[in-house]
């Protein structure tokens, strides 16, 4: 070997090593994002098994799902800022460790109260872990490679959306070692431990050069307001709607008002509020946030009542229910790809509005079939409305973020992105809370205790009632979408470094629960 060749080989070795390290780092953070997405979608399918095993009330069932979404929503923006200040790698590893411990506590929960508390912890840990994913990708890969990397990220999310419910169904159905539903949480343990060990070695630490300060008071006010609104919603029906519940929900509006006042003060004080209120002066952003919130409400309602309807109302196994949802997930992924690549660049806002109408049409068809066939409805009869709904949902979820960010000033793109994702999770939590009104509110539990054979009919009727409300909300979403830009720009990936660094990453808000 010549001296020139030796020098070239010496120079190439570190480059190859560095290249291998960053791809391993990418695999680690993508696995964490996949784990979070699967955990959010895997739980619904196991809810009936959890209800039977732990004797959970309907209110506890709602909190098992809503608690995760609430803790996740409350901590998303702060989790992103903590990563900017103290290091993305450090916060990613802390979040992964917390998520793994919380998963173990969920898997070994002895009663509904312990499971709800563990889910709250799990959501809070996810709020530390997930926002670091895109930030780590952004600082690890050069601009010319990010398009390919983000494409891979999208594929992982699509895979998680499809595999989550099916994996949950299989793990519950197999009843491994007699553990019933518990493996849906315990499966996170080896994945989380591997992520911690490999992450320490292969992820490079990074911080934001101009990180915003923490707004702990803002986080506390948001969390308090949401709790005052959602807790009475979930418990109210069981407690016969006591006066304190109504006062608590009314009081949440006062706390939200206090939040707005404090955020104005925080903006003047140090320029780092939790919520950048000036964004709401942009009409398209304000409308988009309203769409994100209400769309989250629709998804929070639908996915929980759909599972309860199939497994408790119709008596289907978890596997049958999980397989029934596969065409829906495939339709969402297909339409999402088409909407971003082909349709939105040509037709703009009309694609999102078509998605809202299409999804509403699928729900109307589902509502009609549930009424006509009753408890004798089959999987094959469900597929057409589910595919129509999935196509409509795909037309909305993929291009919505870019549409909302279209007119946002570039220097606020990161804050706006974080607020969009947080709002989606808040809507999801609110929708799960409303299940007690639109679904459980029309079920006479005393009657079912006397005549258990009527449970199928009662759940089918409640499912139709919930779908009716969801259709009404989608009609409102369609109208609000007129305030979105006619031709949304797609600039979030091309934003400057500082725009991305504060952005939180949660690309599947509509599928979480």
Protein backbone atom coordinates (compact mmCIF):
# COMPACT_ATOMS: atom_id res chain seq x y z
CA UNK A 1 0.00 0.00 0.00
CA UNK A 2 1.36 3.45 -0.92
CA UNK A 3 1.68 6.23 1.66
CA UNK A 4 -1.09 8.11 -0.15
CA UNK A 5 -3.41 5.07 0.15
CA UNK A 6 -2.56 4.67 3.82
CA UNK A 7 -3.42 8.30 4.54
CA UNK A 8 -6.71 7.99 2.60
CA UNK A 9 -7.64 4.84 4.51
CA UNK A 10 -6.82 6.52 7.83
CA UNK A 11 -9.01 9.52 6.94
CA UNK A 12 -11.86 7.30 5.70
CA UNK A 13 -12.03 5.18 8.86
CA UNK A 14 -13.36 7.92 11.19
CA UNK A 15 -15.84 9.02 8.50
CA UNK A 16 -17.21 5.48 8.13
CA UNK A 17 -17.34 5.09 11.91
CA UNK A 18 -19.16 8.42 12.32
CA UNK A 19 -21.54 7.50 9.51
CA UNK A 20 -22.34 4.17 11.18
CA UNK A 21 -22.84 5.84 14.57
CA UNK A 22 -25.39 8.34 13.29
CA UNK A 23 -27.44 5.68 11.55
CA UNK A 24 -27.47 3.64 14.75
CA UNK A 25 -28.54 6.80 16.61
CA UNK A 26 -31.35 7.24 14.07
CA UNK A 27 -32.52 3.66 14.63
CA UNK A 28 -32.56 4.26 18.41
CA UNK A 29 -34.65 7.44 18.34
CA UNK A 30 -37.00 6.01 15.71
CA UNK A 31 -37.51 2.93 17.86
CA UNK A 32 -38.41 5.19 20.79
CA UNK A 33 -40.91 7.10 18.63
CA UNK A 34 -42.33 3.79 17.42
CA UNK A 35 -42.58 2.53 21.02
CA UNK A 36 -44.52 5.63 22.07
CA UNK A 37 -46.90 5.41 19.10
CA UNK A 38 -47.55 1.70 19.56
CA UNK A 39 -48.12 2.22 23.29
CA UNK A 40 -50.69 4.92 22.58
CA UNK A 41 -52.60 2.77 20.06
CA UNK A 42 -52.07 -0.64 21.66
CA UNK A 43 -54.02 0.10 24.85
CA UNK A 44 -57.50 0.60 23.40
CA UNK A 45 -57.74 -2.94 22.07
CA UNK A 46 -56.92 -4.33 25.54
CA UNK A 47 -59.35 -2.11 27.47
CA UNK A 48 -62.12 -4.76 27.79
CA UNK A 49 -59.58 -7.29 29.11
CA UNK A 50 -58.29 -4.72 31.63
CA UNK A 51 -61.86 -3.92 32.68
CA UNK A 52 -62.62 -7.60 33.36
CA UNK A 53 -59.32 -8.41 35.07
CA UNK A 54 -59.10 -5.39 37.38
CA UNK A 55 -62.83 -4.72 37.77
CA UNK A 56 -62.29 -1.18 36.48
CA UNK A 57 -65.25 1.20 36.32
CA UNK A 58 -66.11 3.01 33.09
CA UNK A 59 -64.57 6.16 34.58
CA UNK A 60 -61.29 4.34 35.31
CA UNK A 61 -61.28 3.00 31.74
CA UNK A 62 -61.47 6.55 30.41
CA UNK A 63 -58.60 7.69 32.68
CA UNK A 64 -56.37 4.80 31.60
CA UNK A 65 -56.43 6.36 28.13
CA UNK A 66 -57.11 10.05 28.87
CA UNK A 67 -54.50 10.21 31.66
CA UNK A 68 -51.72 9.37 29.23
CA UNK A 69 -52.89 11.95 26.68
CA UNK A 70 -53.33 14.62 29.37
CA UNK A 71 -49.84 14.16 30.89
CA UNK A 72 -48.32 13.98 27.43
CA UNK A 73 -50.06 17.19 26.28
CA UNK A 74 -49.16 19.12 29.43
CA UNK A 75 -45.46 18.27 29.18
CA UNK A 76 -44.72 18.35 25.43
CA UNK A 77 -43.51 21.93 25.05
CA UNK A 78 -41.62 21.88 28.35
CA UNK A 79 -39.99 18.58 27.37
CA UNK A 80 -38.71 20.17 24.18
CA UNK A 81 -37.34 23.18 26.05
CA UNK A 82 -35.64 21.02 28.68
CA UNK A 83 -33.82 19.25 25.85
CA UNK A 84 -32.74 22.57 24.35
CA UNK A 85 -31.41 23.78 27.73
CA UNK A 86 -29.89 20.67 29.32
CA UNK A 87 -29.18 18.52 26.26
CA UNK A 88 -31.36 16.46 23.93
CA UNK A 89 -29.47 13.23 24.57
CA UNK A 90 -29.77 13.64 28.34
CA UNK A 91 -33.53 14.32 28.20
CA UNK A 92 -34.08 11.53 25.67
CA UNK A 93 -32.37 9.02 27.96
CA UNK A 94 -34.23 10.33 31.05
CA UNK A 95 -37.54 10.13 29.21
CA UNK A 96 -36.77 6.63 27.92
CA UNK A 97 -35.83 5.46 31.43
CA UNK A 98 -39.02 6.96 32.88
CA UNK A 99 -41.13 5.46 30.10
CA UNK A 100 -39.61 2.02 30.71
CA UNK A 101 -40.16 2.18 34.48
CA UNK A 102 -43.72 3.42 34.00
CA UNK A 103 -44.38 0.59 31.52
CA UNK A 104 -43.24 -1.92 34.15
CA UNK A 105 -45.55 -0.32 36.73
CA UNK A 106 -48.44 -0.49 34.24
CA UNK A 107 -47.70 -4.14 33.51
CA UNK A 108 -47.65 -5.07 37.20
CA UNK A 109 -50.56 -2.83 38.26
CA UNK A 110 -52.61 -4.50 41.01
CA UNK A 111 -55.69 -2.29 40.70
CA UNK A 112 -57.22 0.39 38.43
CA UNK A 113 -55.86 3.24 40.56
CA UNK A 114 -52.26 2.03 40.19
CA UNK A 115 -52.73 1.60 36.44
CA UNK A 116 -54.13 5.12 36.02
CA UNK A 117 -51.26 6.61 38.06
CA UNK A 118 -48.71 4.61 36.05
CA UNK A 119 -50.25 5.81 32.78
CA UNK A 120 -49.95 9.42 33.96
CA UNK A 121 -46.27 8.80 34.69
CA UNK A 122 -45.85 7.13 31.31
CA UNK A 123 -47.37 10.13 29.52
CA UNK A 124 -45.12 12.54 31.42
CA UNK A 125 -42.03 10.46 30.51
CA UNK A 126 -43.10 10.36 26.86
CA UNK A 127 -43.32 14.18 26.96
CA UNK A 128 -39.60 14.24 27.83
CA UNK A 129 -38.59 11.53 25.34
CA UNK A 130 -40.57 12.23 22.19
CA UNK A 131 -39.78 15.94 21.59
CA UNK A 132 -36.08 15.12 21.35
CA UNK A 133 -36.51 12.77 18.38
CA UNK A 134 -36.69 15.30 15.53
CA UNK A 135 -34.21 17.60 17.27
CA UNK A 136 -31.64 14.78 17.48
CA UNK A 137 -32.28 13.88 13.83
CA UNK A 138 -31.92 17.54 12.85
CA UNK A 139 -28.51 17.98 14.47
CA UNK A 140 -27.23 14.52 13.50
CA UNK A 141 -27.91 14.66 9.75
CA UNK A 142 -26.95 17.33 7.20
CA UNK A 143 -29.72 19.17 5.34
CA UNK A 144 -29.33 17.18 2.11
CA UNK A 145 -30.03 13.89 3.93
CA UNK A 146 -32.98 15.03 6.04
CA UNK A 147 -35.58 14.48 3.34
CA UNK A 148 -34.67 10.79 3.17
CA UNK A 149 -34.54 10.52 6.95
CA UNK A 150 -37.91 12.21 7.46
CA UNK A 151 -39.36 9.87 4.83
CA UNK A 152 -38.13 6.91 6.87
CA UNK A 153 -39.59 8.53 9.99
CA UNK A 154 -42.98 8.78 8.27
CA UNK A 155 -42.82 5.14 7.25
CA UNK A 156 -42.09 4.10 10.85
CA UNK A 157 -45.10 6.10 12.03
CA UNK A 158 -47.30 4.48 9.40
CA UNK A 159 -46.06 1.06 10.48
CA UNK A 160 -46.78 1.90 14.12
CA UNK A 161 -50.31 3.03 13.29
CA UNK A 162 -51.04 -0.29 11.58
CA UNK A 163 -49.15 -2.61 13.91
CA UNK A 164 -50.13 -1.08 17.28
CA UNK A 165 -53.73 -2.32 17.49
CA UNK A 166 -52.84 -5.64 15.87
CA UNK A 167 -49.90 -6.23 18.21
CA UNK A 168 -52.13 -5.37 21.18
CA UNK A 169 -54.75 -7.81 19.93
CA UNK A 170 -52.21 -10.62 19.53
CA UNK A 171 -50.55 -10.08 22.92
CA UNK A 172 -53.93 -9.97 24.67
CA UNK A 173 -55.35 -12.94 22.75
CA UNK A 174 -52.29 -15.13 23.35
CA UNK A 175 -52.57 -14.58 27.12
CA UNK A 176 -48.83 -15.19 27.53
CA UNK A 177 -48.06 -16.96 30.84
CA UNK A 178 -51.62 -16.16 31.93
CA UNK A 179 -50.79 -12.44 32.04
CA UNK A 180 -53.74 -11.48 29.77
CA UNK A 181 -53.35 -7.73 28.89
CA UNK A 182 -50.14 -7.06 30.83
CA UNK A 183 -47.65 -7.93 28.01
CA UNK A 184 -48.83 -4.87 26.05
CA UNK A 185 -46.89 -2.81 28.59
CA UNK A 186 -44.15 -5.29 29.54
CA UNK A 187 -43.02 -5.55 25.91
CA UNK A 188 -41.57 -2.04 26.34
CA UNK A 189 -39.06 -3.22 28.94
CA UNK A 190 -36.46 -4.93 26.70
CA UNK A 191 -36.92 -2.24 24.02
CA UNK A 192 -36.45 0.57 26.56
CA UNK A 193 -33.41 -1.02 28.20
CA UNK A 194 -31.77 -1.57 24.80
CA UNK A 195 -32.52 2.03 23.86
CA UNK A 196 -30.87 3.30 27.05
CA UNK A 197 -27.71 1.22 26.62
CA UNK A 198 -27.27 1.98 22.92
CA UNK A 199 -28.39 5.60 23.25
CA UNK A 200 -25.66 6.38 25.80
CA UNK A 201 -23.06 5.09 23.36
CA UNK A 202 -24.23 6.29 19.96
CA UNK A 203 -26.31 9.48 20.37
CA UNK A 204 -24.34 12.73 20.27
CA UNK A 205 -25.25 15.39 22.82
CA UNK A 206 -26.55 18.74 21.59
CA UNK A 207 -28.14 21.88 23.02
CA UNK A 208 -29.84 24.92 21.54
CA UNK A 209 -27.60 28.01 21.36
CA UNK A 210 -30.57 30.27 22.13
CA UNK A 211 -32.91 28.11 24.21
CA UNK A 212 -36.04 29.68 25.67
CA UNK A 213 -36.49 29.63 29.43
CA UNK A 214 -38.87 27.26 31.20
CA UNK A 215 -42.40 28.41 31.99
CA UNK A 216 -43.30 26.18 34.94
CA UNK A 217 -46.22 28.40 36.01
CA UNK A 218 -47.67 28.13 32.51
CA UNK A 219 -47.42 24.33 32.61
CA UNK A 220 -49.11 24.21 36.02
CA UNK A 221 -51.95 26.48 34.87
CA UNK A 222 -52.54 24.44 31.69
CA UNK A 223 -52.53 21.17 33.65
CA UNK A 224 -54.87 22.53 36.33
CA UNK A 225 -57.32 23.91 33.75
CA UNK A 226 -57.42 20.61 31.86
CA UNK A 227 -57.87 18.57 35.04
CA UNK A 228 -60.70 20.85 36.21
CA UNK A 229 -62.42 20.30 32.87
CA UNK A 230 -61.76 16.62 32.16
CA UNK A 231 -61.95 15.04 35.64
CA UNK A 232 -65.60 16.09 36.27
CA UNK A 233 -66.49 14.93 32.75
CA UNK A 234 -65.17 11.43 33.38
CA UNK A 235 -66.49 11.06 36.93
CA UNK A 236 -69.68 13.13 36.67
CA UNK A 237 -71.96 10.42 35.32
CA UNK A 238 -70.90 7.88 37.97
CA UNK A 239 -71.47 10.45 40.74
CA UNK A 240 -74.80 11.67 39.27
CA UNK A 241 -73.33 15.00 38.15
CA UNK A 242 -72.70 16.70 41.52
CA UNK A 243 -72.64 20.48 41.92
CA UNK A 244 -68.87 20.54 42.53
CA UNK A 245 -68.35 19.02 39.09
CA UNK A 246 -70.21 21.84 37.34
CA UNK A 247 -68.39 24.45 39.43
CA UNK A 248 -65.07 22.80 38.60
CA UNK A 249 -65.73 22.84 34.85
CA UNK A 250 -66.83 26.49 35.03
CA UNK A 251 -63.73 27.27 37.09
CA UNK A 252 -61.51 25.83 34.37
CA UNK A 253 -62.47 28.81 32.18
CA UNK A 254 -61.20 31.14 34.92
CA UNK A 255 -57.90 29.25 35.05
CA UNK A 256 -57.57 29.43 31.25
CA UNK A 257 -58.13 33.20 31.50
CA UNK A 258 -55.43 33.37 34.20
CA UNK A 259 -53.10 31.43 31.88
CA UNK A 260 -53.61 33.98 29.09
CA UNK A 261 -52.92 36.87 31.48
CA UNK A 262 -49.78 35.20 32.82
CA UNK A 263 -48.49 34.38 29.34
CA UNK A 264 -48.80 38.06 28.39
CA UNK A 265 -46.79 38.95 31.49
CA UNK A 266 -44.22 36.24 30.76
CA UNK A 267 -43.79 37.52 27.19
CA UNK A 268 -42.99 41.02 28.46
CA UNK A 269 -40.74 39.72 31.24
CA UNK A 270 -38.32 37.44 29.40
CA UNK A 271 -39.82 36.60 25.99
CA UNK A 272 -40.19 32.86 26.68
CA UNK A 273 -43.85 32.07 27.37
CA UNK A 274 -45.21 28.54 27.19
CA UNK A 275 -47.78 29.75 24.63
CA UNK A 276 -46.78 32.38 22.07
CA UNK A 277 -50.06 34.36 22.09
CA UNK A 278 -49.09 36.53 19.12
CA UNK A 279 -49.50 33.43 16.92
CA UNK A 280 -53.26 33.59 17.40
CA UNK A 281 -53.32 36.91 15.53
CA UNK A 282 -52.60 34.84 12.40
CA UNK A 283 -56.05 33.79 11.18
CA UNK A 284 -54.93 30.55 9.54
CA UNK A 285 -53.02 29.48 12.66
CA UNK A 286 -55.94 30.22 15.01
CA UNK A 287 -58.29 28.31 12.70
CA UNK A 288 -55.82 25.44 12.39
CA UNK A 289 -55.49 25.14 16.15
CA UNK A 290 -59.31 24.96 16.37
CA UNK A 291 -59.30 22.21 13.74
CA UNK A 292 -56.54 20.31 15.54
CA UNK A 293 -58.36 20.53 18.87
CA UNK A 294 -61.76 19.45 17.56
CA UNK A 295 -60.26 16.74 15.35
CA UNK A 296 -58.49 15.38 18.44
CA UNK A 297 -61.87 15.34 20.22
CA UNK A 298 -63.39 13.26 17.38
CA UNK A 299 -60.54 10.76 17.48
CA UNK A 300 -60.58 10.54 21.28
CA UNK A 301 -64.26 9.67 21.18
CA UNK A 302 -64.20 7.28 18.22
CA UNK A 303 -61.32 4.95 19.02
CA UNK A 304 -62.45 4.18 22.57
CA UNK A 305 -66.14 3.67 21.81
CA UNK A 306 -65.27 1.62 18.72
CA UNK A 307 -63.26 -0.84 20.82
CA UNK A 308 -65.96 -1.07 23.51
CA UNK A 309 -68.62 -1.57 20.85
CA UNK A 310 -66.78 -4.44 19.13
CA UNK A 311 -65.48 -6.31 22.17
CA UNK A 312 -68.10 -5.71 24.86
CA UNK A 313 -71.15 -4.92 22.72
CA UNK A 314 -70.61 -7.50 19.99
CA UNK A 315 -68.55 -9.92 22.11
CA UNK A 316 -65.68 -10.11 19.62
CA UNK A 317 -62.22 -11.32 20.60
CA UNK A 318 -59.34 -8.81 20.74
CA UNK A 319 -57.81 -10.43 17.65
CA UNK A 320 -60.99 -10.14 15.60
CA UNK A 321 -61.39 -6.52 16.64
CA UNK A 322 -57.74 -5.79 15.85
CA UNK A 323 -57.92 -7.38 12.40
CA UNK A 324 -61.11 -5.45 11.65
CA UNK A 325 -59.16 -2.22 12.10
CA UNK A 326 -56.35 -3.10 9.66
CA UNK A 327 -58.18 -1.86 6.49
CA UNK A 328 -58.81 1.45 8.28
CA UNK A 329 -55.11 1.90 9.11
CA UNK A 330 -54.03 0.99 5.57
CA UNK A 331 -56.55 3.48 4.13
CA UNK A 332 -55.20 6.23 6.42
CA UNK A 333 -51.59 5.59 5.39
CA UNK A 334 -52.47 5.42 1.66
CA UNK A 335 -54.48 8.62 1.65
CA UNK A 336 -51.89 10.44 3.79
CA UNK A 337 -49.16 9.71 1.25
CA UNK A 338 -51.31 10.78 -1.69
CA UNK A 339 -52.51 13.96 0.00
CA UNK A 340 -49.03 15.33 0.73
CA UNK A 341 -47.29 14.27 -2.47
CA UNK A 342 -50.00 14.66 -5.12
CA UNK A 343 -53.21 16.34 -3.98
CA UNK A 344 -52.40 19.25 -1.65
CA UNK A 345 -49.83 20.87 -3.99
CA UNK A 346 -52.55 20.96 -6.66
CA UNK A 347 -55.81 21.50 -4.78
CA UNK A 348 -54.69 23.00 -1.46
CA UNK A 349 -57.26 23.47 1.31
CA UNK A 350 -59.97 21.61 -0.63
CA UNK A 351 -58.14 18.34 0.08
CA UNK A 352 -58.52 18.79 3.84
CA UNK A 353 -62.17 19.78 3.49
CA UNK A 354 -62.80 16.78 1.27
CA UNK A 355 -61.19 14.66 3.98
CA UNK A 356 -63.59 16.02 6.63
CA UNK A 357 -66.63 15.34 4.42
CA UNK A 358 -65.33 11.89 3.44
CA UNK A 359 -64.71 10.93 7.04
CA UNK A 360 -68.17 12.17 8.03
CA UNK A 361 -69.70 10.15 5.17
CA UNK A 362 -67.90 7.01 6.39
CA UNK A 363 -69.26 7.57 9.91
CA UNK A 364 -72.79 8.08 8.59
CA UNK A 365 -72.50 4.80 6.64
CA UNK A 366 -71.14 3.05 9.76
CA UNK A 367 -73.98 4.52 11.84
CA UNK A 368 -76.56 3.24 9.33
CA UNK A 369 -75.01 -0.26 9.21
CA UNK A 370 -74.83 -0.50 13.02
CA UNK A 371 -78.54 0.36 13.19
CA UNK A 372 -79.59 -1.99 10.40
CA UNK A 373 -77.59 -5.09 11.34
CA UNK A 374 -77.52 -4.61 15.12
CA UNK A 375 -75.44 -7.17 16.99
CA UNK A 376 -75.29 -9.41 13.90
CA UNK A 377 -73.00 -7.03 12.01
CA UNK A 378 -69.89 -8.69 10.55
CA UNK A 379 -66.31 -7.61 9.89
CA UNK A 380 -66.95 -7.57 6.14
CA UNK A 381 -69.88 -5.21 6.59
CA UNK A 382 -67.69 -2.86 8.64
CA UNK A 383 -64.87 -2.66 6.09
CA UNK A 384 -66.54 -0.25 3.59
CA UNK A 385 -67.33 2.50 6.15
CA UNK A 386 -63.94 2.01 7.83
CA UNK A 387 -62.08 2.38 4.52
CA UNK A 388 -64.07 5.53 3.66
CA UNK A 389 -63.33 6.95 7.12
CA UNK A 390 -59.65 6.04 6.83
CA UNK A 391 -59.31 7.73 3.44
CA UNK A 392 -60.92 10.88 4.86
CA UNK A 393 -58.68 10.86 7.92
CA UNK A 394 -55.55 10.40 5.81
CA UNK A 395 -56.47 13.45 3.72
CA UNK A 396 -56.52 15.52 6.93
CA UNK A 397 -53.76 14.31 9.26
CA UNK A 398 -50.78 14.45 6.90
CA UNK A 399 -51.13 17.98 5.43
CA UNK A 400 -52.79 19.67 8.42
CA UNK A 401 -49.60 20.77 10.20
CA UNK A 402 -48.16 22.41 7.09
CA UNK A 403 -51.50 24.13 6.43
CA UNK A 404 -51.60 25.53 9.96
CA UNK A 405 -47.97 26.73 9.79
CA UNK A 406 -48.36 28.25 6.32
CA UNK A 407 -48.68 31.89 7.38
CA UNK A 408 -46.75 31.65 10.66
CA UNK A 409 -43.61 33.86 10.80
CA UNK A 410 -40.51 31.72 10.31
CA UNK A 411 -39.02 32.71 13.66
CA UNK A 412 -42.05 31.21 15.44
CA UNK A 413 -42.26 27.96 13.44
CA UNK A 414 -40.85 25.84 16.28
CA UNK A 415 -43.18 27.26 18.95
CA UNK A 416 -46.15 26.93 16.59
CA UNK A 417 -45.31 23.31 15.79
CA UNK A 418 -45.10 22.45 19.48
CA UNK A 419 -48.43 24.15 20.15
CA UNK A 420 -50.12 22.27 17.29
CA UNK A 421 -49.03 18.89 18.64
CA UNK A 422 -49.93 19.83 22.22
CA UNK A 423 -53.39 20.97 21.12
CA UNK A 424 -54.00 17.67 19.34
CA UNK A 425 -53.19 15.74 22.50
CA UNK A 426 -55.42 18.06 24.55
CA UNK A 427 -58.28 17.44 22.14
CA UNK A 428 -57.70 13.72 22.41
CA UNK A 429 -57.87 13.87 26.22
CA UNK A 430 -61.02 15.99 26.07
CA UNK A 431 -62.65 13.56 23.63
CA UNK A 432 -61.87 10.65 25.94
CA UNK A 433 -63.47 12.60 28.78
CA UNK A 434 -66.59 13.26 26.68
CA UNK A 435 -67.06 9.50 26.13
CA UNK A 436 -68.85 9.47 29.50
CA UNK A 437 -71.44 11.84 28.03
CA UNK A 438 -71.91 10.71 24.42
CA UNK A 439 -71.45 6.95 25.00
CA UNK A 440 -71.78 5.87 28.62
CA UNK A 441 -74.36 8.59 29.22
CA UNK A 442 -76.96 6.70 27.16
CA UNK A 443 -76.28 3.30 28.77
CA UNK A 444 -78.47 2.31 31.71
CA UNK A 445 -76.04 0.31 33.88
CA UNK A 446 -78.74 -0.66 36.40
CA UNK A 447 -80.84 -2.09 33.59
CA UNK A 448 -77.89 -4.10 32.27
CA UNK A 449 -77.24 -5.57 35.72
CA UNK A 450 -80.82 -6.82 35.77
CA UNK A 451 -80.88 -7.98 32.14
CA UNK A 452 -77.27 -8.72 31.01
CA UNK A 453 -78.50 -10.07 27.65
CA UNK A 454 -79.31 -6.52 26.55
CA UNK A 455 -75.70 -5.35 26.75
CA UNK A 456 -75.12 -5.83 23.00
CA UNK A 457 -78.10 -3.70 22.00
CA UNK A 458 -77.27 -1.05 24.60
CA UNK A 459 -73.65 -0.71 23.41
CA UNK A 460 -74.74 -0.66 19.75
CA UNK A 461 -77.18 2.19 20.49
CA UNK A 462 -74.52 4.08 22.45
CA UNK A 463 -72.04 3.61 19.59
CA UNK A 464 -74.50 5.13 17.14
CA UNK A 465 -75.10 8.07 19.47
CA UNK A 466 -71.35 8.72 19.76
CA UNK A 467 -70.94 8.53 15.97
CA UNK A 468 -73.73 11.06 15.54
CA UNK A 469 -71.89 13.54 17.74
CA UNK A 470 -68.62 12.86 15.89
CA UNK A 471 -70.30 13.61 12.54
CA UNK A 472 -71.61 16.91 13.91
CA UNK A 473 -68.10 17.91 15.04
CA UNK A 474 -66.65 16.99 11.63
CA UNK A 475 -69.21 19.30 10.01
CA UNK A 476 -67.92 22.13 12.23
CA UNK A 477 -64.34 21.22 11.28
CA UNK A 478 -65.26 21.46 7.58
CA UNK A 479 -66.55 25.02 8.07
CA UNK A 480 -63.57 26.15 10.18
CA UNK A 481 -61.22 24.90 7.45
CA UNK A 482 -62.36 27.79 5.22
CA UNK A 483 -60.06 29.98 7.33
CA UNK A 484 -57.00 27.91 6.32
CA UNK A 485 -54.85 29.17 3.41
CA UNK A 486 -56.21 28.16 0.00
CA UNK A 487 -52.78 26.77 -0.97
CA UNK A 488 -50.77 25.79 2.14
CA UNK A 489 -47.02 26.11 1.96
CA UNK A 490 -44.85 23.20 3.11
CA UNK A 491 -41.86 24.80 4.77
CA UNK A 492 -41.35 23.16 8.14
CA UNK A 493 -38.52 20.92 6.97
CA UNK A 494 -36.82 23.82 5.26
CA UNK A 495 -36.98 26.13 8.26
CA UNK A 496 -33.86 27.50 9.85
CA UNK A 497 -32.16 25.52 12.60
CA UNK A 498 -33.58 27.63 15.41
CA UNK A 499 -37.11 27.06 14.09
CA UNK A 500 -36.83 23.32 14.41
CA UNK A 501 -35.03 23.17 17.71
CA UNK A 502 -38.11 24.11 19.76
CA UNK A 503 -40.48 22.00 17.70
CA UNK A 504 -42.01 19.04 19.44
CA UNK A 505 -42.40 15.79 17.58
CA UNK A 506 -45.65 13.89 17.72
CA UNK A 507 -46.78 13.07 14.25
CA UNK A 508 -49.67 10.77 15.20
CA UNK A 509 -51.99 12.81 17.41
CA UNK A 510 -55.05 11.61 15.66
CA UNK A 511 -54.27 7.98 16.32
CA UNK A 512 -53.39 8.26 19.96
CA UNK A 513 -55.61 7.59 22.90
